[in-house]
C-alpha atoms as a PDB file:
ATOM      1  CA  UNK A   1      -0.037  -0.035  -0.009  1.00  0.00           C
ATOM      2  CA  UNK A   2       2.879   2.427   0.830  1.00  0.00           C
ATOM      3  CA  UNK A   3       4.480   1.713  -2.598  1.00  0.00           C
ATOM      4  CA  UNK A   4       1.191   2.374  -4.284  1.00  0.00           C
ATOM      5  CA  UNK A   5       0.737   5.578  -2.448  1.00  0.00           C
ATOM      6  CA  UNK A   6       4.225   6.721  -3.311  1.00  0.00           C
ATOM      7  CA  UNK A   7       3.897   5.957  -7.101  1.00  0.00           C
ATOM      8  CA  UNK A   8       0.605   7.786  -7.292  1.00  0.00           C
ATOM      9  CA  UNK A   9       2.109  10.756  -5.448  1.00  0.00           C
ATOM     10  CA  UNK A  10       4.886  10.740  -7.937  1.00  0.00           C
ATOM     11  CA  UNK A  11       2.363  10.573 -10.771  1.00  0.00           C
ATOM     12  CA  UNK A  12       1.267  14.148  -9.671  1.00  0.00           C
ATOM     13  CA  UNK A  13       4.650  15.576  -9.136  1.00  0.00           C
ATOM     14  CA  UNK A  14       5.932  18.107 -11.639  1.00  0.00           C
ATOM     15  CA  UNK A  15       9.654  17.865 -11.367  1.00  0.00           C
ATOM     16  CA  UNK A  16       9.999  14.017 -12.045  1.00  0.00           C
ATOM     17  CA  UNK A  17       7.317  14.370 -14.734  1.00  0.00           C
ATOM     18  CA  UNK A  18       9.320  17.047 -16.568  1.00  0.00           C
ATOM     19  CA  UNK A  19      12.425  14.941 -16.386  1.00  0.00           C
ATOM     20  CA  UNK A  20      10.805  11.691 -17.446  1.00  0.00           C
ATOM     21  CA  UNK A  21       8.916  13.110 -20.450  1.00  0.00           C
ATOM     22  CA  UNK A  22      12.134  14.442 -21.852  1.00  0.00           C
ATOM     23  CA  UNK A  23      14.445  11.494 -20.939  1.00  0.00           C
ATOM     24  CA  UNK A  24      15.146   9.025 -23.913  1.00  0.00           C
ATOM     25  CA  UNK A  25      15.559   6.152 -21.318  1.00  0.00           C
ATOM     26  CA  UNK A  26      12.254   6.892 -19.558  1.00  0.00           C
ATOM     27  CA  UNK A  27      10.508   7.162 -22.897  1.00  0.00           C
ATOM     28  CA  UNK A  28      11.825   3.713 -23.903  1.00  0.00           C
ATOM     29  CA  UNK A  29      10.522   2.315 -20.684  1.00  0.00           C
ATOM     30  CA  UNK A  30       7.098   3.801 -21.234  1.00  0.00           C
ATOM     31  CA  UNK A  31       6.643   2.065 -24.658  1.00  0.00           C
ATOM     32  CA  UNK A  32       5.515  -1.039 -22.827  1.00  0.00           C
ATOM     33  CA  UNK A  33       2.247   0.669 -21.898  1.00  0.00           C
ATOM     34  CA  UNK A  34       2.140   3.657 -24.363  1.00  0.00           C
ATOM     35  CA  UNK A  35       1.781   2.981 -28.115  1.00  0.00           C
ATOM     36  CA  UNK A  36       3.836   5.927 -29.285  1.00  0.00           C
ATOM     37  CA  UNK A  37       3.863   9.685 -29.643  1.00  0.00           C
ATOM     38  CA  UNK A  38       2.020  10.194 -32.864  1.00  0.00           C
ATOM     39  CA  UNK A  39      -1.365   9.257 -34.144  1.00  0.00           C
ATOM     40  CA  UNK A  40      -0.125   7.094 -37.021  1.00  0.00           C
ATOM     41  CA  UNK A  41       1.801   4.983 -34.478  1.00  0.00           C
ATOM     42  CA  UNK A  42      -1.273   4.265 -32.403  1.00  0.00           C
ATOM     43  CA  UNK A  43      -3.451   3.621 -35.459  1.00  0.00           C
ATOM     44  CA  UNK A  44      -0.791   1.049 -36.515  1.00  0.00           C
ATOM     45  CA  UNK A  45      -0.989  -0.573 -33.034  1.00  0.00           C
ATOM     46  CA  UNK A  46      -4.773  -0.794 -33.251  1.00  0.00           C
ATOM     47  CA  UNK A  47      -4.598  -2.345 -36.645  1.00  0.00           C
ATOM     48  CA  UNK A  48      -2.310  -5.121 -35.233  1.00  0.00           C
ATOM     49  CA  UNK A  49      -4.877  -5.679 -32.362  1.00  0.00           C
ATOM     50  CA  UNK A  50      -7.705  -5.879 -34.793  1.00  0.00           C
ATOM     51  CA  UNK A  51      -5.852  -8.545 -36.712  1.00  0.00           C
ATOM     52  CA  UNK A  52      -6.051 -10.622 -33.531  1.00  0.00           C
ATOM     53  CA  UNK A  53      -9.708 -10.102 -33.149  1.00  0.00           C
ATOM     54  CA  UNK A  54      -9.327  -7.441 -30.371  1.00  0.00           C
ATOM     55  CA  UNK A  55     -11.087  -4.053 -30.397  1.00  0.00           C
ATOM     56  CA  UNK A  56      -9.319  -0.841 -29.266  1.00  0.00           C
ATOM     57  CA  UNK A  57     -10.143   2.460 -27.570  1.00  0.00           C
ATOM     58  CA  UNK A  58      -7.659   5.283 -28.241  1.00  0.00           C
ATOM     59  CA  UNK A  59      -6.546   7.741 -25.638  1.00  0.00           C
ATOM     60  CA  UNK A  60      -4.619  10.839 -26.501  1.00  0.00           C
ATOM     61  CA  UNK A  61      -2.761  11.372 -23.120  1.00  0.00           C
ATOM     62  CA  UNK A  62      -3.158  14.652 -21.313  1.00  0.00           C
ATOM     63  CA  UNK A  63      -5.070  16.130 -18.484  1.00  0.00           C
ATOM     64  CA  UNK A  64      -5.743  19.360 -16.510  1.00  0.00           C
ATOM     65  CA  UNK A  65      -5.275  21.971 -19.244  1.00  0.00           C
ATOM     66  CA  UNK A  66      -5.251  25.554 -18.078  1.00  0.00           C
ATOM     67  CA  UNK A  67      -6.541  27.474 -21.135  1.00  0.00           C
ATOM     68  CA  UNK A  68      -9.404  27.189 -23.613  1.00  0.00           C
ATOM     69  CA  UNK A  69      -6.832  27.135 -26.314  1.00  0.00           C
ATOM     70  CA  UNK A  70      -5.197  23.929 -24.967  1.00  0.00           C
ATOM     71  CA  UNK A  71      -8.648  22.376 -24.569  1.00  0.00           C
ATOM     72  CA  UNK A  72      -9.740  23.036 -28.114  1.00  0.00           C
ATOM     73  CA  UNK A  73      -6.309  21.858 -29.355  1.00  0.00           C
ATOM     74  CA  UNK A  74      -6.836  18.580 -27.518  1.00  0.00           C
ATOM     75  CA  UNK A  75     -10.352  18.230 -28.950  1.00  0.00           C
ATOM     76  CA  UNK A  76      -9.204  18.896 -32.351  1.00  0.00           C
ATOM     77  CA  UNK A  77      -6.852  15.852 -32.132  1.00  0.00           C
ATOM     78  CA  UNK A  78      -9.820  13.756 -31.220  1.00  0.00           C
ATOM     79  CA  UNK A  79     -11.771  14.952 -34.198  1.00  0.00           C
ATOM     80  CA  UNK A  80      -8.794  13.858 -36.402  1.00  0.00           C
ATOM     81  CA  UNK A  81      -8.878  10.494 -34.612  1.00  0.00           C
ATOM     82  CA  UNK A  82     -12.539   9.995 -35.297  1.00  0.00           C
ATOM     83  CA  UNK A  83     -11.914  10.665 -39.070  1.00  0.00           C
ATOM     84  CA  UNK A  84      -8.861   8.559 -39.248  1.00  0.00           C
ATOM     85  CA  UNK A  85     -10.576   5.609 -37.651  1.00  0.00           C
ATOM     86  CA  UNK A  86     -13.491   5.745 -40.068  1.00  0.00           C
ATOM     87  CA  UNK A  87     -11.121   6.278 -43.008  1.00  0.00           C
ATOM     88  CA  UNK A  88      -9.084   3.177 -42.120  1.00  0.00           C
ATOM     89  CA  UNK A  89     -12.076   1.218 -41.086  1.00  0.00           C
ATOM     90  CA  UNK A  90     -10.541   0.266 -37.682  1.00  0.00           C
ATOM     91  CA  UNK A  91     -12.373  -1.419 -34.908  1.00  0.00           C
ATOM     92  CA  UNK A  92     -11.855   1.165 -32.080  1.00  0.00           C
ATOM     93  CA  UNK A  93     -13.495   3.868 -30.221  1.00  0.00           C
ATOM     94  CA  UNK A  94     -11.999   6.787 -28.281  1.00  0.00           C
ATOM     95  CA  UNK A  95     -11.583   7.626 -24.521  1.00  0.00           C
ATOM     96  CA  UNK A  96     -10.957  11.103 -23.141  1.00  0.00           C
ATOM     97  CA  UNK A  97     -10.443  12.859 -19.865  1.00  0.00           C
ATOM     98  CA  UNK A  98     -12.702  15.920 -19.207  1.00  0.00           C
ATOM     99  CA  UNK A  99      -9.907  17.914 -17.624  1.00  0.00           C
ATOM    100  CA  UNK A 100      -8.089  17.652 -20.932  1.00  0.00           C
ATOM    101  CA  UNK A 101     -11.175  19.175 -22.502  1.00  0.00           C
ATOM    102  CA  UNK A 102     -11.188  22.123 -20.014  1.00  0.00           C
ATOM    103  CA  UNK A 103     -13.170  20.875 -17.105  1.00  0.00           C
ATOM    104  CA  UNK A 104     -11.049  22.902 -14.721  1.00  0.00           C
ATOM    105  CA  UNK A 105     -11.961  25.970 -16.693  1.00  0.00           C
ATOM    106  CA  UNK A 106     -15.782  25.465 -15.927  1.00  0.00           C
ATOM    107  CA  UNK A 107     -18.347  22.871 -16.903  1.00  0.00           C
ATOM    108  CA  UNK A 108     -19.346  24.816 -20.012  1.00  0.00           C
ATOM    109  CA  UNK A 109     -16.038  24.581 -21.919  1.00  0.00           C
ATOM    110  CA  UNK A 110     -15.751  20.757 -21.488  1.00  0.00           C
ATOM    111  CA  UNK A 111     -19.478  20.223 -22.064  1.00  0.00           C
ATOM    112  CA  UNK A 112     -19.418  22.080 -25.357  1.00  0.00           C
ATOM    113  CA  UNK A 113     -16.274  20.286 -26.543  1.00  0.00           C
ATOM    114  CA  UNK A 114     -17.721  16.763 -25.530  1.00  0.00           C
ATOM    115  CA  UNK A 115     -21.045  17.402 -27.288  1.00  0.00           C
ATOM    116  CA  UNK A 116     -19.295  18.240 -30.517  1.00  0.00           C
ATOM    117  CA  UNK A 117     -17.132  15.152 -30.280  1.00  0.00           C
ATOM    118  CA  UNK A 118     -20.159  12.858 -29.520  1.00  0.00           C
ATOM    119  CA  UNK A 119     -22.018  14.332 -32.509  1.00  0.00           C
ATOM    120  CA  UNK A 120     -18.927  13.809 -34.701  1.00  0.00           C
ATOM    121  CA  UNK A 121     -18.783  10.223 -33.303  1.00  0.00           C
ATOM    122  CA  UNK A 122     -22.385   9.640 -34.523  1.00  0.00           C
ATOM    123  CA  UNK A 123     -21.422  10.777 -38.057  1.00  0.00           C
ATOM    124  CA  UNK A 124     -18.405   8.393 -37.997  1.00  0.00           C
ATOM    125  CA  UNK A 125     -20.417   5.516 -36.479  1.00  0.00           C
ATOM    126  CA  UNK A 126     -18.185   5.586 -33.308  1.00  0.00           C
ATOM    127  CA  UNK A 127     -18.397   6.081 -29.696  1.00  0.00           C
ATOM    128  CA  UNK A 128     -16.881   8.348 -27.068  1.00  0.00           C
ATOM    129  CA  UNK A 129     -15.986   7.038 -23.526  1.00  0.00           C
ATOM    130  CA  UNK A 130     -15.375   9.575 -20.788  1.00  0.00           C
ATOM    131  CA  UNK A 131     -12.670   8.358 -18.325  1.00  0.00           C
ATOM    132  CA  UNK A 132     -13.120   8.785 -14.657  1.00  0.00           C
ATOM    133  CA  UNK A 133     -10.550  10.919 -12.880  1.00  0.00           C
ATOM    134  CA  UNK A 134     -10.004  11.654  -9.154  1.00  0.00           C
ATOM    135  CA  UNK A 135     -12.946  11.906  -6.788  1.00  0.00           C
ATOM    136  CA  UNK A 136     -13.312  15.594  -6.911  1.00  0.00           C
ATOM    137  CA  UNK A 137     -14.457  15.231 -10.519  1.00  0.00           C
ATOM    138  CA  UNK A 138     -16.751  12.206 -10.129  1.00  0.00           C
ATOM    139  CA  UNK A 139     -20.133  14.081  -9.678  1.00  0.00           C
ATOM    140  CA  UNK A 140     -19.402  16.592 -12.368  1.00  0.00           C
ATOM    141  CA  UNK A 141     -18.281  13.969 -14.831  1.00  0.00           C
ATOM    142  CA  UNK A 142     -21.449  11.879 -14.181  1.00  0.00           C
ATOM    143  CA  UNK A 143     -23.763  14.847 -14.332  1.00  0.00           C
ATOM    144  CA  UNK A 144     -22.300  15.953 -17.691  1.00  0.00           C
ATOM    145  CA  UNK A 145     -22.478  12.564 -19.310  1.00  0.00           C
ATOM    146  CA  UNK A 146     -26.063  12.120 -18.240  1.00  0.00           C
ATOM    147  CA  UNK A 147     -27.053  15.579 -19.631  1.00  0.00           C
ATOM    148  CA  UNK A 148     -25.440  14.895 -23.051  1.00  0.00           C
ATOM    149  CA  UNK A 149     -26.677  11.224 -23.141  1.00  0.00           C
ATOM    150  CA  UNK A 150     -30.233  12.568 -22.687  1.00  0.00           C
ATOM    151  CA  UNK A 151     -29.872  14.760 -25.916  1.00  0.00           C
ATOM    152  CA  UNK A 152     -31.687  13.468 -28.971  1.00  0.00           C
ATOM    153  CA  UNK A 153     -29.282  11.466 -31.187  1.00  0.00           C
ATOM    154  CA  UNK A 154     -26.559  10.999 -28.644  1.00  0.00           C
ATOM    155  CA  UNK A 155     -27.882   8.052 -26.869  1.00  0.00           C
ATOM    156  CA  UNK A 156     -25.541   5.469 -28.527  1.00  0.00           C
ATOM    157  CA  UNK A 157     -22.450   7.775 -28.709  1.00  0.00           C
ATOM    158  CA  UNK A 158     -21.338   8.440 -25.253  1.00  0.00           C
ATOM    159  CA  UNK A 159     -20.490   6.446 -22.158  1.00  0.00           C
ATOM    160  CA  UNK A 160     -18.475   6.818 -18.878  1.00  0.00           C
ATOM    161  CA  UNK A 161     -16.087   4.933 -16.559  1.00  0.00           C
ATOM    162  CA  UNK A 162     -16.953   4.111 -13.013  1.00  0.00           C
ATOM    163  CA  UNK A 163     -14.530   3.062 -10.261  1.00  0.00           C
ATOM    164  CA  UNK A 164     -15.336   0.089  -7.957  1.00  0.00           C
ATOM    165  CA  UNK A 165     -13.177   1.339  -5.078  1.00  0.00           C
ATOM    166  CA  UNK A 166     -15.365   4.306  -4.306  1.00  0.00           C
ATOM    167  CA  UNK A 167     -18.231   3.734  -1.790  1.00  0.00           C
ATOM    168  CA  UNK A 168     -20.593   5.941  -3.913  1.00  0.00           C
ATOM    169  CA  UNK A 169     -20.247   3.804  -7.092  1.00  0.00           C
ATOM    170  CA  UNK A 170     -23.075   1.409  -6.322  1.00  0.00           C
ATOM    171  CA  UNK A 171     -25.425   4.350  -6.174  1.00  0.00           C
ATOM    172  CA  UNK A 172     -23.857   5.851  -9.405  1.00  0.00           C
ATOM    173  CA  UNK A 173     -24.156   2.475 -11.235  1.00  0.00           C
ATOM    174  CA  UNK A 174     -27.861   2.193 -10.302  1.00  0.00           C
ATOM    175  CA  UNK A 175     -28.591   5.657 -11.752  1.00  0.00           C
ATOM    176  CA  UNK A 176     -26.538   5.113 -14.885  1.00  0.00           C
ATOM    177  CA  UNK A 177     -28.236   1.702 -15.481  1.00  0.00           C
ATOM    178  CA  UNK A 178     -31.599   3.398 -15.209  1.00  0.00           C
ATOM    179  CA  UNK A 179     -30.521   5.801 -17.879  1.00  0.00           C
ATOM    180  CA  UNK A 180     -29.316   3.150 -20.183  1.00  0.00           C
ATOM    181  CA  UNK A 181     -25.752   4.632 -20.223  1.00  0.00           C
ATOM    182  CA  UNK A 182     -22.821   2.361 -21.231  1.00  0.00           C
ATOM    183  CA  UNK A 183     -20.133   1.980 -18.624  1.00  0.00           C
ATOM    184  CA  UNK A 184     -16.596   0.728 -18.138  1.00  0.00           C
ATOM    185  CA  UNK A 185     -16.197  -0.728 -14.688  1.00  0.00           C
ATOM    186  CA  UNK A 186     -12.566  -0.436 -13.333  1.00  0.00           C
ATOM    187  CA  UNK A 187     -11.194  -0.768  -9.817  1.00  0.00           C
ATOM    188  CA  UNK A 188      -9.711   2.758  -9.629  1.00  0.00           C
ATOM    189  CA  UNK A 189      -6.280   4.267  -9.884  1.00  0.00           C
ATOM    190  CA  UNK A 190      -6.167   7.346  -7.731  1.00  0.00           C
ATOM    191  CA  UNK A 191      -5.256   7.820  -4.084  1.00  0.00           C
ATOM    192  CA  UNK A 192      -8.514   8.399  -2.216  1.00  0.00           C
ATOM    193  CA  UNK A 193      -9.085   8.719   1.616  1.00  0.00           C
ATOM    194  CA  UNK A 194     -10.749   5.807   3.469  1.00  0.00           C
ATOM    195  CA  UNK A 195     -13.864   7.996   3.959  1.00  0.00           C
ATOM    196  CA  UNK A 196     -14.839   7.659   0.355  1.00  0.00           C
ATOM    197  CA  UNK A 197     -12.929   4.615  -0.965  1.00  0.00           C
ATOM    198  CA  UNK A 198     -12.371   1.036   0.149  1.00  0.00           C
ATOM    199  CA  UNK A 199      -8.903   0.583   1.690  1.00  0.00           C
ATOM    200  CA  UNK A 200      -8.471  -3.211   1.092  1.00  0.00           C
ATOM    201  CA  UNK A 201      -8.137  -5.005  -2.257  1.00  0.00           C
ATOM    202  CA  UNK A 202     -10.735  -7.586  -0.929  1.00  0.00           C
ATOM    203  CA  UNK A 203     -13.328  -4.990  -0.391  1.00  0.00           C
ATOM    204  CA  UNK A 204     -12.731  -3.379  -3.779  1.00  0.00           C
ATOM    205  CA  UNK A 205     -12.886  -6.811  -5.504  1.00  0.00           C
ATOM    206  CA  UNK A 206     -16.047  -7.727  -3.794  1.00  0.00           C
ATOM    207  CA  UNK A 207     -17.720  -4.474  -4.782  1.00  0.00           C
ATOM    208  CA  UNK A 208     -16.443  -4.880  -8.365  1.00  0.00           C
ATOM    209  CA  UNK A 209     -17.932  -8.324  -8.665  1.00  0.00           C
ATOM    210  CA  UNK A 210     -21.309  -7.303  -7.374  1.00  0.00           C
ATOM    211  CA  UNK A 211     -21.442  -4.216  -9.641  1.00  0.00           C
ATOM    212  CA  UNK A 212     -20.308  -6.246 -12.689  1.00  0.00           C
ATOM    213  CA  UNK A 213     -23.098  -8.872 -12.227  1.00  0.00           C
ATOM    214  CA  UNK A 214     -25.715  -6.124 -11.921  1.00  0.00           C
ATOM    215  CA  UNK A 215     -24.237  -4.484 -15.208  1.00  0.00           C
ATOM    216  CA  UNK A 216     -24.275  -7.780 -17.116  1.00  0.00           C
ATOM    217  CA  UNK A 217     -27.917  -8.441 -16.214  1.00  0.00           C
ATOM    218  CA  UNK A 218     -29.000  -4.923 -17.402  1.00  0.00           C
ATOM    219  CA  UNK A 219     -29.287  -5.593 -21.130  1.00  0.00           C
ATOM    220  CA  UNK A 220     -27.015  -2.657 -21.892  1.00  0.00           C
ATOM    221  CA  UNK A 221     -23.530  -3.307 -23.388  1.00  0.00           C
ATOM    222  CA  UNK A 222     -20.822  -2.680 -20.758  1.00  0.00           C
ATOM    223  CA  UNK A 223     -17.047  -3.138 -20.387  1.00  0.00           C
ATOM    224  CA  UNK A 224     -15.380  -4.889 -17.500  1.00  0.00           C
ATOM    225  CA  UNK A 225     -11.968  -3.475 -17.143  1.00  0.00           C
ATOM    226  CA  UNK A 226      -9.699  -5.804 -15.231  1.00  0.00           C
ATOM    227  CA  UNK A 227      -6.736  -8.091 -15.578  1.00  0.00           C
ATOM    228  CA  UNK A 228      -7.596  -9.994 -12.389  1.00  0.00           C
ATOM    229  CA  UNK A 229      -7.952 -13.593 -13.496  1.00  0.00           C
ATOM    230  CA  UNK A 230     -10.024 -14.562 -10.407  1.00  0.00           C
ATOM    231  CA  UNK A 231     -12.542 -11.903 -11.267  1.00  0.00           C
ATOM    232  CA  UNK A 232     -12.466 -12.820 -14.876  1.00  0.00           C
ATOM    233  CA  UNK A 233     -13.291 -16.462 -14.111  1.00  0.00           C
ATOM    234  CA  UNK A 234     -16.087 -15.435 -11.770  1.00  0.00           C
ATOM    235  CA  UNK A 235     -17.668 -13.237 -14.496  1.00  0.00           C
ATOM    236  CA  UNK A 236     -17.391 -15.983 -17.147  1.00  0.00           C
ATOM    237  CA  UNK A 237     -19.089 -18.429 -14.713  1.00  0.00           C
ATOM    238  CA  UNK A 238     -21.757 -15.987 -13.806  1.00  0.00           C
ATOM    239  CA  UNK A 239     -22.540 -15.174 -17.423  1.00  0.00           C
ATOM    240  CA  UNK A 240     -22.779 -18.802 -18.350  1.00  0.00           C
ATOM    241  CA  UNK A 241     -24.988 -19.708 -15.446  1.00  0.00           C
ATOM    242  CA  UNK A 242     -27.272 -16.742 -16.270  1.00  0.00           C
ATOM    243  CA  UNK A 243     -27.281 -17.438 -19.986  1.00  0.00           C
ATOM    244  CA  UNK A 244     -25.715 -14.133 -20.833  1.00  0.00           C
ATOM    245  CA  UNK A 245     -24.136 -14.071 -24.268  1.00  0.00           C
ATOM    246  CA  UNK A 246     -20.365 -13.543 -24.256  1.00  0.00           C
ATOM    247  CA  UNK A 247     -20.991 -11.051 -26.987  1.00  0.00           C
ATOM    248  CA  UNK A 248     -23.321  -8.901 -24.955  1.00  0.00           C
ATOM    249  CA  UNK A 249     -20.361  -7.399 -22.872  1.00  0.00           C
ATOM    250  CA  UNK A 250     -16.622  -7.155 -23.214  1.00  0.00           C
ATOM    251  CA  UNK A 251     -13.492  -7.545 -21.053  1.00  0.00           C
ATOM    252  CA  UNK A 252     -11.222  -4.469 -21.347  1.00  0.00           C
ATOM    253  CA  UNK A 253      -7.548  -4.433 -20.623  1.00  0.00           C
ATOM    254  CA  UNK A 254      -4.576  -2.092 -20.987  1.00  0.00           C
ATOM    255  CA  UNK A 255      -2.133  -1.938 -23.866  1.00  0.00           C
ATOM    256  CA  UNK A 256       0.968  -4.037 -23.072  1.00  0.00           C
ATOM    257  CA  UNK A 257      -0.473  -5.870 -20.151  1.00  0.00           C
ATOM    258  CA  UNK A 258      -1.432  -9.541 -20.243  1.00  0.00           C
ATOM    259  CA  UNK A 259      -1.438  -9.906 -24.018  1.00  0.00           C
ATOM    260  CA  UNK A 260      -1.668 -13.689 -23.461  1.00  0.00           C
ATOM    261  CA  UNK A 261      -4.845 -13.362 -21.569  1.00  0.00           C
ATOM    262  CA  UNK A 262      -6.391 -10.969 -24.103  1.00  0.00           C
ATOM    263  CA  UNK A 263      -5.829 -13.488 -26.898  1.00  0.00           C
ATOM    264  CA  UNK A 264      -7.007 -16.481 -24.906  1.00  0.00           C
ATOM    265  CA  UNK A 265     -10.270 -14.673 -24.162  1.00  0.00           C
ATOM    266  CA  UNK A 266     -10.794 -14.024 -27.796  1.00  0.00           C
ATOM    267  CA  UNK A 267     -10.252 -17.542 -28.658  1.00  0.00           C
ATOM    268  CA  UNK A 268     -12.963 -18.557 -26.039  1.00  0.00           C
ATOM    269  CA  UNK A 269     -15.460 -16.389 -27.773  1.00  0.00           C
ATOM    270  CA  UNK A 270     -15.410 -13.357 -25.577  1.00  0.00           C
ATOM    271  CA  UNK A 271     -15.126  -9.764 -26.779  1.00  0.00           C
ATOM    272  CA  UNK A 272     -11.958  -7.988 -25.762  1.00  0.00           C
ATOM    273  CA  UNK A 273     -11.127  -4.305 -25.961  1.00  0.00           C
ATOM    274  CA  UNK A 274      -7.685  -2.800 -25.272  1.00  0.00           C
ATOM    275  CA  UNK A 275      -7.049   0.716 -24.028  1.00  0.00           C
ATOM    276  CA  UNK A 276      -4.332   2.175 -26.240  1.00  0.00           C
ATOM    277  CA  UNK A 277      -2.838   5.489 -25.059  1.00  0.00           C
ATOM    278  CA  UNK A 278      -0.352   7.654 -26.983  1.00  0.00           C
ATOM    279  CA  UNK A 279       1.211  11.109 -26.855  1.00  0.00           C
ATOM    280  CA  UNK A 280       4.113  12.967 -25.177  1.00  0.00           C
ATOM    281  CA  UNK A 281       2.209  13.533 -21.874  1.00  0.00           C
ATOM    282  CA  UNK A 282       2.604   9.922 -20.736  1.00  0.00           C
ATOM    283  CA  UNK A 283       4.108  10.261 -17.272  1.00  0.00           C
ATOM    284  CA  UNK A 284       1.025  10.399 -14.969  1.00  0.00           C
ATOM    285  CA  UNK A 285      -0.705   7.534 -16.855  1.00  0.00           C
ATOM    286  CA  UNK A 286       2.557   5.367 -16.705  1.00  0.00           C
ATOM    287  CA  UNK A 287       2.983   5.875 -12.929  1.00  0.00           C
ATOM    288  CA  UNK A 288      -0.583   4.954 -12.214  1.00  0.00           C
ATOM    289  CA  UNK A 289      -0.124   1.758 -14.224  1.00  0.00           C
ATOM    290  CA  UNK A 290       2.950   0.920 -12.091  1.00  0.00           C
ATOM    291  CA  UNK A 291       0.880   1.670  -8.947  1.00  0.00           C
ATOM    292  CA  UNK A 292      -1.921  -0.662  -9.950  1.00  0.00           C
ATOM    293  CA  UNK A 293       0.155  -3.720 -10.514  1.00  0.00           C
ATOM    294  CA  UNK A 294       3.543  -4.488  -8.863  1.00  0.00           C
ATOM    295  CA  UNK A 295       4.223  -7.047 -11.640  1.00  0.00           C
ATOM    296  CA  UNK A 296       4.598  -4.247 -14.061  1.00  0.00           C
ATOM    297  CA  UNK A 297       7.562  -2.815 -12.109  1.00  0.00           C
ATOM    298  CA  UNK A 298       9.251  -6.211 -12.171  1.00  0.00           C
ATOM    299  CA  UNK A 299       8.671  -6.474 -15.869  1.00  0.00           C
ATOM    300  CA  UNK A 300      10.361  -3.100 -16.384  1.00  0.00           C
ATOM    301  CA  UNK A 301      13.246  -3.829 -14.105  1.00  0.00           C
ATOM    302  CA  UNK A 302      14.061  -7.048 -16.028  1.00  0.00           C
ATOM    303  CA  UNK A 303      13.987  -5.330 -19.369  1.00  0.00           C
ATOM    304  CA  UNK A 304      16.096  -2.311 -17.893  1.00  0.00           C
ATOM    305  CA  UNK A 305      18.842  -4.794 -16.781  1.00  0.00           C
ATOM    306  CA  UNK A 306      18.767  -6.528 -20.222  1.00  0.00           C
END
C-alpha cells in the first residue's frame, strides 16, 4: 500500500514528470504501456490488435489543461482521430479525460467540446468514452455525461467509466443503469481517503464483482476493465450460469499488459477491447499503471537490466 501511495504521489509531481517526459531512457521504458507519440503510430498498433480479433479504444494522453486554447487543441486531435478511424475502417472507439477538455475552466467549456465530439462520433459511427478521474471530478463527470446522453441522437455515442473502489459507485451504477448509459467498470487508480474509498483489495474486488453482475444483467452493453484472473473467471462463470451471451459485454484491458490473456479470451469467444494510449504527456498515466500492479515494475526492471 505504501508503494502504491508513493507511485501515485509521484504521478502528480511536476519535477520528475518534466524529467521523465524528456528522458530518452524513460520514454523507452514507457513504450510497454504507451503505443507511441504520434497518431499514426497508435493507429498501426490498433490495426495489429484488430488482426488478432481485439478491439481498441484510443486515448490521447493529457489532463488538466489551463486555457481554452489547450482544450480546443486537444479536442481537435480527437476529431482527427475519429476521421482517421473511419477512413481506415478500424475497430476502435476513443476515450478522453474531461480535464483535458477544459473541465477545470468550468463545466461549460468541457460540455461544449464533448457534445461536439459525441455528434462527430455519431457521423463516424463511433463512440466516445469519458474516463473517470480523481474523486473531486466524479459528480461533475457523471452529471455532464447524463445531460449529453439525454440529448436526442446522442444516446448511443457516449459512455462513462466508474470506479469500484469508491463507496458511492453502487448508487452511481444504479442511476446510470436506469439511464441506459454504457459503462466501463474499473477498480480505480487514484489515491483516495478511506472516508470515500475502500482501503483493502478484498473489499474493492467484492464490490467490483457485485457491480459487474448487475451490469451484465442490465441488457446494456458494458465493459469490464480488469486483468484479475479470479474476477474474470467469476464473471465468465456468472454469465454462463445466467445465460448471458459472451457477445453482450466485453472484457477491457490495458495496452501492453497480459497480451496472453487478451488473446486467450478472444479464442474462447469473448469480446476484448484494449485501451491504447499515446502522446508525449505519458508520465501520469505510466506511474498509475505501475501503482496498480507491482508485476509491471518487475517487468520493467528485467527489461532495464537486459
